[in-house]
């Protein structure tokens, strides 16, 4: 079944003409179809947890160690604790969120390492009811330790700030 699902992902990803919510989009996959399917589900979970503003669920996708590295806006954050602080600052005060993966790619590099990348749209509802929309790219490198896949390295880009 996984073999056929991965093949369908490869075929269908090029056929999409409209934006599909991240959890429903079929990713383009390379490498092991079983690993790619697992990573695609985990990656979709990041979008779902962000949209739900489920802070604890979102953090569970990331490796709880000093090896966790997160890069955004030219800053390198090292450690799960520092990453938790960044997420807290970014998400805790929002009134709502909508994260959608657009073009998604999953590459199983080995039996214990995989990469998921996507372009994204993110809309944040501010406490005052206003909203902000941004787009960019997002990447996660997953490492399997003791049978569990978690993000060890994550990076995303934003468009340049307008003066």
C-alpha atoms as a PDB file:
ATOM      1  CA  UNK A   1       0.000   0.000   0.000  1.00  0.00           C
ATOM      2  CA  UNK A   2       2.773   2.461   0.934  1.00  0.00           C
ATOM      3  CA  UNK A   3       4.527   1.653  -2.343  1.00  0.00           C
ATOM      4  CA  UNK A   4       1.428   2.632  -4.326  1.00  0.00           C
ATOM      5  CA  UNK A   5       0.775   5.717  -2.206  1.00  0.00           C
ATOM      6  CA  UNK A   6       4.307   6.977  -2.821  1.00  0.00           C
ATOM      7  CA  UNK A   7       3.931   6.359  -6.559  1.00  0.00           C
ATOM      8  CA  UNK A   8       0.641   8.258  -6.516  1.00  0.00           C
ATOM      9  CA  UNK A   9       2.354  11.120  -4.689  1.00  0.00           C
ATOM     10  CA  UNK A  10       4.953  11.382  -7.440  1.00  0.00           C
ATOM     11  CA  UNK A  11       2.352  11.317 -10.211  1.00  0.00           C
ATOM     12  CA  UNK A  12      -0.163  13.659  -8.598  1.00  0.00           C
ATOM     13  CA  UNK A  13       2.189  16.324  -7.325  1.00  0.00           C
ATOM     14  CA  UNK A  14       2.825  17.643 -10.829  1.00  0.00           C
ATOM     15  CA  UNK A  15      -0.883  17.693 -11.691  1.00  0.00           C
ATOM     16  CA  UNK A  16      -2.031  20.124  -9.021  1.00  0.00           C
ATOM     17  CA  UNK A  17      -3.078  23.470 -10.489  1.00  0.00           C
ATOM     18  CA  UNK A  18      -4.512  24.992  -7.322  1.00  0.00           C
ATOM     19  CA  UNK A  19      -3.224  25.484  -3.806  1.00  0.00           C
ATOM     20  CA  UNK A  20      -4.115  22.558  -1.589  1.00  0.00           C
ATOM     21  CA  UNK A  21      -3.946  22.741   2.211  1.00  0.00           C
ATOM     22  CA  UNK A  22      -0.649  21.295   3.441  1.00  0.00           C
ATOM     23  CA  UNK A  23      -2.222  18.284   5.107  1.00  0.00           C
ATOM     24  CA  UNK A  24      -3.945  17.276   1.838  1.00  0.00           C
ATOM     25  CA  UNK A  25      -1.174  18.021  -0.678  1.00  0.00           C
ATOM     26  CA  UNK A  26       0.650  15.108  -2.247  1.00  0.00           C
ATOM     27  CA  UNK A  27       4.433  15.621  -1.955  1.00  0.00           C
ATOM     28  CA  UNK A  28       7.033  14.786  -4.560  1.00  0.00           C
ATOM     29  CA  UNK A  29       9.177  12.006  -3.082  1.00  0.00           C
ATOM     30  CA  UNK A  30      12.556  10.434  -3.787  1.00  0.00           C
ATOM     31  CA  UNK A  31      14.307   7.567  -2.049  1.00  0.00           C
ATOM     32  CA  UNK A  32      12.468   5.001   0.052  1.00  0.00           C
ATOM     33  CA  UNK A  33       8.696   5.380  -0.447  1.00  0.00           C
ATOM     34  CA  UNK A  34       7.974   4.097   3.077  1.00  0.00           C
ATOM     35  CA  UNK A  35      10.323   6.613   4.708  1.00  0.00           C
ATOM     36  CA  UNK A  36       9.107   9.410   2.445  1.00  0.00           C
ATOM     37  CA  UNK A  37       5.494   8.649   3.363  1.00  0.00           C
ATOM     38  CA  UNK A  38       6.305   8.758   7.082  1.00  0.00           C
ATOM     39  CA  UNK A  39       8.198  12.038   6.736  1.00  0.00           C
ATOM     40  CA  UNK A  40       5.434  13.575   4.602  1.00  0.00           C
ATOM     41  CA  UNK A  41       2.930  12.777   7.357  1.00  0.00           C
ATOM     42  CA  UNK A  42       5.188  14.249  10.045  1.00  0.00           C
ATOM     43  CA  UNK A  43       5.832  17.359   7.942  1.00  0.00           C
ATOM     44  CA  UNK A  44       2.080  17.815   7.392  1.00  0.00           C
ATOM     45  CA  UNK A  45       1.688  17.554  11.166  1.00  0.00           C
ATOM     46  CA  UNK A  46       3.882  20.630  11.620  1.00  0.00           C
ATOM     47  CA  UNK A  47       1.466  22.673   9.481  1.00  0.00           C
ATOM     48  CA  UNK A  48      -1.552  21.220  11.289  1.00  0.00           C
ATOM     49  CA  UNK A  49      -0.109  21.904  14.772  1.00  0.00           C
ATOM     50  CA  UNK A  50       0.873  25.445  13.762  1.00  0.00           C
ATOM     51  CA  UNK A  51      -2.587  26.157  12.364  1.00  0.00           C
ATOM     52  CA  UNK A  52      -4.161  24.812  15.555  1.00  0.00           C
ATOM     53  CA  UNK A  53      -1.676  26.881  17.610  1.00  0.00           C
ATOM     54  CA  UNK A  54      -0.967  23.633  19.462  1.00  0.00           C
ATOM     55  CA  UNK A  55       2.401  24.646  20.884  1.00  0.00           C
ATOM     56  CA  UNK A  56       3.153  21.371  22.688  1.00  0.00           C
ATOM     57  CA  UNK A  57       2.275  19.219  19.671  1.00  0.00           C
ATOM     58  CA  UNK A  58       4.428  21.413  17.445  1.00  0.00           C
ATOM     59  CA  UNK A  59       7.428  21.126  19.772  1.00  0.00           C
ATOM     60  CA  UNK A  60       7.099  17.327  19.846  1.00  0.00           C
ATOM     61  CA  UNK A  61       8.142  17.165  16.170  1.00  0.00           C
ATOM     62  CA  UNK A  62      11.562  18.616  17.019  1.00  0.00           C
ATOM     63  CA  UNK A  63      14.470  16.755  18.638  1.00  0.00           C
ATOM     64  CA  UNK A  64      14.770  17.633  22.297  1.00  0.00           C
ATOM     65  CA  UNK A  65      18.537  18.087  22.430  1.00  0.00           C
ATOM     66  CA  UNK A  66      21.334  20.593  22.168  1.00  0.00           C
ATOM     67  CA  UNK A  67      21.851  19.357  18.580  1.00  0.00           C
ATOM     68  CA  UNK A  68      18.601  20.930  17.355  1.00  0.00           C
ATOM     69  CA  UNK A  69      19.413  23.810  14.994  1.00  0.00           C
ATOM     70  CA  UNK A  70      16.864  26.328  13.682  1.00  0.00           C
ATOM     71  CA  UNK A  71      17.752  29.056  11.172  1.00  0.00           C
ATOM     72  CA  UNK A  72      15.501  31.988  10.261  1.00  0.00           C
ATOM     73  CA  UNK A  73      16.034  35.630   9.325  1.00  0.00           C
ATOM     74  CA  UNK A  74      19.801  35.252   9.503  1.00  0.00           C
ATOM     75  CA  UNK A  75      19.730  33.924  13.067  1.00  0.00           C
ATOM     76  CA  UNK A  76      20.966  30.491  14.110  1.00  0.00           C
ATOM     77  CA  UNK A  77      19.221  29.047  17.149  1.00  0.00           C
ATOM     78  CA  UNK A  78      20.934  26.064  18.790  1.00  0.00           C
ATOM     79  CA  UNK A  79      19.095  23.801  21.258  1.00  0.00           C
ATOM     80  CA  UNK A  80      15.549  22.760  21.919  1.00  0.00           C
ATOM     81  CA  UNK A  81      15.222  25.250  24.785  1.00  0.00           C
ATOM     82  CA  UNK A  82      16.219  28.203  22.585  1.00  0.00           C
ATOM     83  CA  UNK A  83      13.866  26.969  19.838  1.00  0.00           C
ATOM     84  CA  UNK A  84      11.038  26.762  22.383  1.00  0.00           C
ATOM     85  CA  UNK A  85      11.655  30.408  23.324  1.00  0.00           C
ATOM     86  CA  UNK A  86      11.553  31.467  19.656  1.00  0.00           C
ATOM     87  CA  UNK A  87       8.289  29.599  19.016  1.00  0.00           C
ATOM     88  CA  UNK A  88       6.806  31.071  22.156  1.00  0.00           C
ATOM     89  CA  UNK A  89       7.660  34.592  20.977  1.00  0.00           C
ATOM     90  CA  UNK A  90       6.303  33.917  17.467  1.00  0.00           C
ATOM     91  CA  UNK A  91       3.077  32.066  18.219  1.00  0.00           C
ATOM     92  CA  UNK A  92       1.797  32.485  21.784  1.00  0.00           C
ATOM     93  CA  UNK A  93       0.132  35.876  21.315  1.00  0.00           C
ATOM     94  CA  UNK A  94      -1.605  35.103  18.020  1.00  0.00           C
ATOM     95  CA  UNK A  95      -5.377  35.008  17.744  1.00  0.00           C
ATOM     96  CA  UNK A  96      -5.197  32.504  14.897  1.00  0.00           C
ATOM     97  CA  UNK A  97      -2.886  30.949  12.339  1.00  0.00           C
ATOM     98  CA  UNK A  98      -3.072  29.237   8.971  1.00  0.00           C
ATOM     99  CA  UNK A  99       0.064  27.509   7.652  1.00  0.00           C
ATOM    100  CA  UNK A 100      -0.191  25.855   4.249  1.00  0.00           C
ATOM    101  CA  UNK A 101       2.551  23.913   2.504  1.00  0.00           C
ATOM    102  CA  UNK A 102       2.427  24.501  -1.237  1.00  0.00           C
ATOM    103  CA  UNK A 103       5.045  22.674  -3.345  1.00  0.00           C
ATOM    104  CA  UNK A 104       6.313  19.937  -1.049  1.00  0.00           C
ATOM    105  CA  UNK A 105       9.291  17.618  -1.612  1.00  0.00           C
ATOM    106  CA  UNK A 106      10.476  14.725   0.545  1.00  0.00           C
ATOM    107  CA  UNK A 107      13.861  13.070   0.028  1.00  0.00           C
ATOM    108  CA  UNK A 108      14.784   9.938   1.992  1.00  0.00           C
ATOM    109  CA  UNK A 109      18.575  10.263   2.034  1.00  0.00           C
ATOM    110  CA  UNK A 110      19.240   7.069   4.012  1.00  0.00           C
ATOM    111  CA  UNK A 111      17.430   4.725   6.368  1.00  0.00           C
ATOM    112  CA  UNK A 112      17.896   7.301   9.171  1.00  0.00           C
ATOM    113  CA  UNK A 113      17.957  10.724   7.476  1.00  0.00           C
ATOM    114  CA  UNK A 114      15.326  12.467   5.353  1.00  0.00           C
ATOM    115  CA  UNK A 115      14.636  16.020   4.163  1.00  0.00           C
ATOM    116  CA  UNK A 116      11.279  17.723   3.671  1.00  0.00           C
ATOM    117  CA  UNK A 117      11.052  21.092   1.919  1.00  0.00           C
ATOM    118  CA  UNK A 118       8.124  23.226   0.900  1.00  0.00           C
ATOM    119  CA  UNK A 119       7.093  26.661  -0.140  1.00  0.00           C
ATOM    120  CA  UNK A 120       4.497  27.992   2.260  1.00  0.00           C
ATOM    121  CA  UNK A 121       1.818  30.581   2.895  1.00  0.00           C
ATOM    122  CA  UNK A 122       1.300  31.689   6.480  1.00  0.00           C
ATOM    123  CA  UNK A 123      -1.479  33.944   7.696  1.00  0.00           C
ATOM    124  CA  UNK A 124      -1.406  35.114  11.301  1.00  0.00           C
ATOM    125  CA  UNK A 125      -4.417  36.667  13.005  1.00  0.00           C
ATOM    126  CA  UNK A 126      -3.210  39.268  15.458  1.00  0.00           C
ATOM    127  CA  UNK A 127      -4.817  39.882  18.863  1.00  0.00           C
ATOM    128  CA  UNK A 128      -6.418  43.101  17.551  1.00  0.00           C
ATOM    129  CA  UNK A 129      -8.135  41.133  14.758  1.00  0.00           C
ATOM    130  CA  UNK A 130      -5.824  42.278  11.971  1.00  0.00           C
ATOM    131  CA  UNK A 131      -3.910  39.770   9.926  1.00  0.00           C
ATOM    132  CA  UNK A 132      -0.484  39.409   8.361  1.00  0.00           C
ATOM    133  CA  UNK A 133       0.298  37.101   5.439  1.00  0.00           C
ATOM    134  CA  UNK A 134       3.756  35.918   4.429  1.00  0.00           C
ATOM    135  CA  UNK A 135       5.254  33.360   2.085  1.00  0.00           C
ATOM    136  CA  UNK A 136       8.606  31.646   1.939  1.00  0.00           C
ATOM    137  CA  UNK A 137      10.348  28.286   1.980  1.00  0.00           C
ATOM    138  CA  UNK A 138      10.654  25.827   4.831  1.00  0.00           C
ATOM    139  CA  UNK A 139      12.997  22.886   5.258  1.00  0.00           C
ATOM    140  CA  UNK A 140      13.339  20.195   7.906  1.00  0.00           C
ATOM    141  CA  UNK A 141      16.019  17.529   8.171  1.00  0.00           C
ATOM    142  CA  UNK A 142      14.682  14.533  10.045  1.00  0.00           C
ATOM    143  CA  UNK A 143      16.887  12.040  11.878  1.00  0.00           C
ATOM    144  CA  UNK A 144      15.669   8.684  13.164  1.00  0.00           C
ATOM    145  CA  UNK A 145      16.992   7.770  16.619  1.00  0.00           C
ATOM    146  CA  UNK A 146      15.754   4.770  18.543  1.00  0.00           C
ATOM    147  CA  UNK A 147      13.020   4.280  15.938  1.00  0.00           C
ATOM    148  CA  UNK A 148      11.613   7.813  16.225  1.00  0.00           C
ATOM    149  CA  UNK A 149      11.808  10.466  13.488  1.00  0.00           C
ATOM    150  CA  UNK A 150      12.339  14.038  14.702  1.00  0.00           C
ATOM    151  CA  UNK A 151      13.539  17.299  13.198  1.00  0.00           C
ATOM    152  CA  UNK A 152      17.220  17.938  13.958  1.00  0.00           C
ATOM    153  CA  UNK A 153      17.670  20.944  11.622  1.00  0.00           C
ATOM    154  CA  UNK A 154      15.046  23.386  10.394  1.00  0.00           C
ATOM    155  CA  UNK A 155      15.277  26.564   8.344  1.00  0.00           C
ATOM    156  CA  UNK A 156      12.846  28.915   6.699  1.00  0.00           C
ATOM    157  CA  UNK A 157      12.956  32.079   4.682  1.00  0.00           C
ATOM    158  CA  UNK A 158      10.763  35.126   4.573  1.00  0.00           C
ATOM    159  CA  UNK A 159      10.497  37.614   1.737  1.00  0.00           C
ATOM    160  CA  UNK A 160      12.682  40.692   2.188  1.00  0.00           C
ATOM    161  CA  UNK A 161      11.210  43.346   4.477  1.00  0.00           C
ATOM    162  CA  UNK A 162       9.796  46.344   2.655  1.00  0.00           C
ATOM    163  CA  UNK A 163      10.992  49.801   3.804  1.00  0.00           C
END
